[in-house]
Every structure is written in C-alpha cells, then in structure tokens.
Protein backbone atom coordinates (compact mmCIF):
# COMPACT_ATOMS: atom_id res chain seq x y z
CA MET A 1 -6.09 97.48 11.47
CA THR A 2 -5.64 101.09 9.79
CA LYS A 3 -3.48 103.87 11.00
CA PRO A 4 -4.82 105.14 13.55
CA ASN A 5 -5.57 109.06 13.84
CA PHE A 6 -3.43 111.01 16.83
CA THR A 7 -5.26 113.84 18.38
CA TYR A 8 -3.17 117.22 18.83
CA ASN A 9 -3.50 119.53 21.65
CA ARG A 10 -5.95 117.89 23.65
CA PRO A 11 -5.43 118.90 27.16
CA ASN A 12 -6.35 116.09 29.17
CA SER A 13 -4.90 113.23 27.66
CA THR A 14 -2.52 110.60 28.56
CA CYS A 15 -1.52 107.22 28.09
CA CYS A 16 -2.36 103.87 29.56
CA PHE A 17 0.66 101.78 29.14
CA CYS A 18 3.37 104.54 29.78
CA HIS A 19 1.17 107.05 31.75
CA ARG A 20 2.12 110.62 30.51
CA THR A 21 0.63 113.06 30.80
CA ALA A 22 2.69 115.32 28.59
CA ASN A 23 4.46 115.42 25.59
CA PRO A 24 8.07 113.70 26.53
CA HIS A 25 9.78 116.19 23.84
CA PRO A 26 11.72 119.79 24.92
CA ASP A 27 11.43 121.02 21.56
CA PHE A 28 7.47 120.72 21.63
CA ASP A 29 5.31 122.40 24.43
CA GLU A 30 2.00 121.20 24.12
CA PRO A 31 0.19 118.23 24.80
CA LEU A 32 0.93 114.17 24.79
CA VAL A 33 -0.30 113.30 20.93
CA THR A 34 -2.76 109.95 21.53
CA THR A 35 -5.03 107.89 19.98
CA LYS A 36 -7.35 105.45 20.81
CA ILE A 37 -8.03 101.96 19.65
CA GLU A 38 -10.03 99.27 20.08
CA THR A 39 -9.02 96.15 22.33
CA ASN A 40 -11.21 93.91 24.07
CA ASN A 41 -13.92 96.30 23.40
CA LYS A 42 -12.67 98.68 25.57
CA ARG A 43 -11.06 101.74 23.41
CA ILE A 44 -7.88 102.52 24.80
CA GLU A 45 -5.24 105.47 24.78
CA LEU A 46 -1.71 105.68 23.73
CA CYS A 47 0.66 107.79 23.18
CA ILE A 48 1.94 108.12 19.73
CA ASN A 49 5.85 107.22 21.60
CA CYS A 50 3.64 104.21 22.61
CA TYR A 51 1.90 103.50 19.33
CA PHE A 52 4.78 103.24 17.07
CA ASP A 53 7.24 101.15 19.58
CA LEU A 54 4.08 98.69 19.36
CA GLU A 55 3.62 98.50 15.66
CA THR A 56 7.96 98.01 15.74
CA PHE A 57 7.83 95.08 17.97
CA ALA A 58 4.05 93.37 16.01
CA GLN A 59 6.34 93.60 13.40
CA GLU A 60 9.39 92.49 14.23
CA SER A 61 7.68 89.55 15.78
CA ASN A 62 5.33 88.71 13.01
CA LYS A 63 2.38 89.27 15.53
CA SER A 64 -0.71 91.78 14.62
CA PHE A 65 -0.72 95.11 16.38
CA VAL A 66 -3.99 93.88 18.20
CA GLU A 67 -1.94 90.58 19.88
CA VAL A 68 0.43 92.84 20.32
CA VAL A 69 -1.47 95.26 22.75
CA LYS A 70 -3.36 92.37 23.92
CA GLU A 71 -0.55 90.90 25.64
CA LYS A 72 1.32 94.30 26.74
CA GLU A 73 -2.13 94.79 28.92
CA ASN A 74 -2.15 91.43 30.28
CA LEU A 75 1.21 91.95 31.40
CA LEU A 76 0.58 95.57 33.07
CA ARG A 77 -1.86 94.10 34.73
CA ILE A 78 -0.78 91.17 35.79
CA LEU A 79 2.42 93.13 37.61
CA SER A 80 -0.12 95.76 38.96
CA ASN A 81 -1.50 93.48 40.66
CA SER A 82 1.85 91.89 41.59
CA SER A 83 2.54 95.04 43.62
CA ASN A 84 -0.69 95.40 45.31
CA VAL A 85 -0.43 92.12 47.14
C-alpha cells in the first residue's frame, strides 16, 4: 500500500475508528487530520493517529495494512451489534 495523502483543515473530518471529530493535540487548534483508504470496495476515513497505530500493528504482526483494517472493522461491527442486544 502506498503512503496516504492526509487532508488538513477539513472542517467535517471524522475518524471511523476512534470517532474523533476534533484534533486531540492541545497545541493545535485545527480540524482533525484524516486520510481516506479503500477496503472491501468502500472508502473509510481514518485520523492520522489511528492510521499510524494500525500501520505499526501491521508491521509488528507481519500482516498487511488492509488486513489489519478489515479485522478492526469486523471487530467494531461485532461489538456494535452486541451492544444493541
């Protein structure tokens, strides 16, 4: 996978994993920095923090980045469904 292009100063950015909508860094008063990646034929938006956390995990576990993202999407879907029971 090629390195993503991160988008800065997009006012409505949100991360589909951590659900942040604002920049968590106290020294920066700007919108959340995100990138869009494609998995399972759909585009998801990730914040810069989640992206690099997932990239590090993929490298340490010898898995592809896309495989790690798909696993996380599936886990979040399962947890979401179980909380609705």
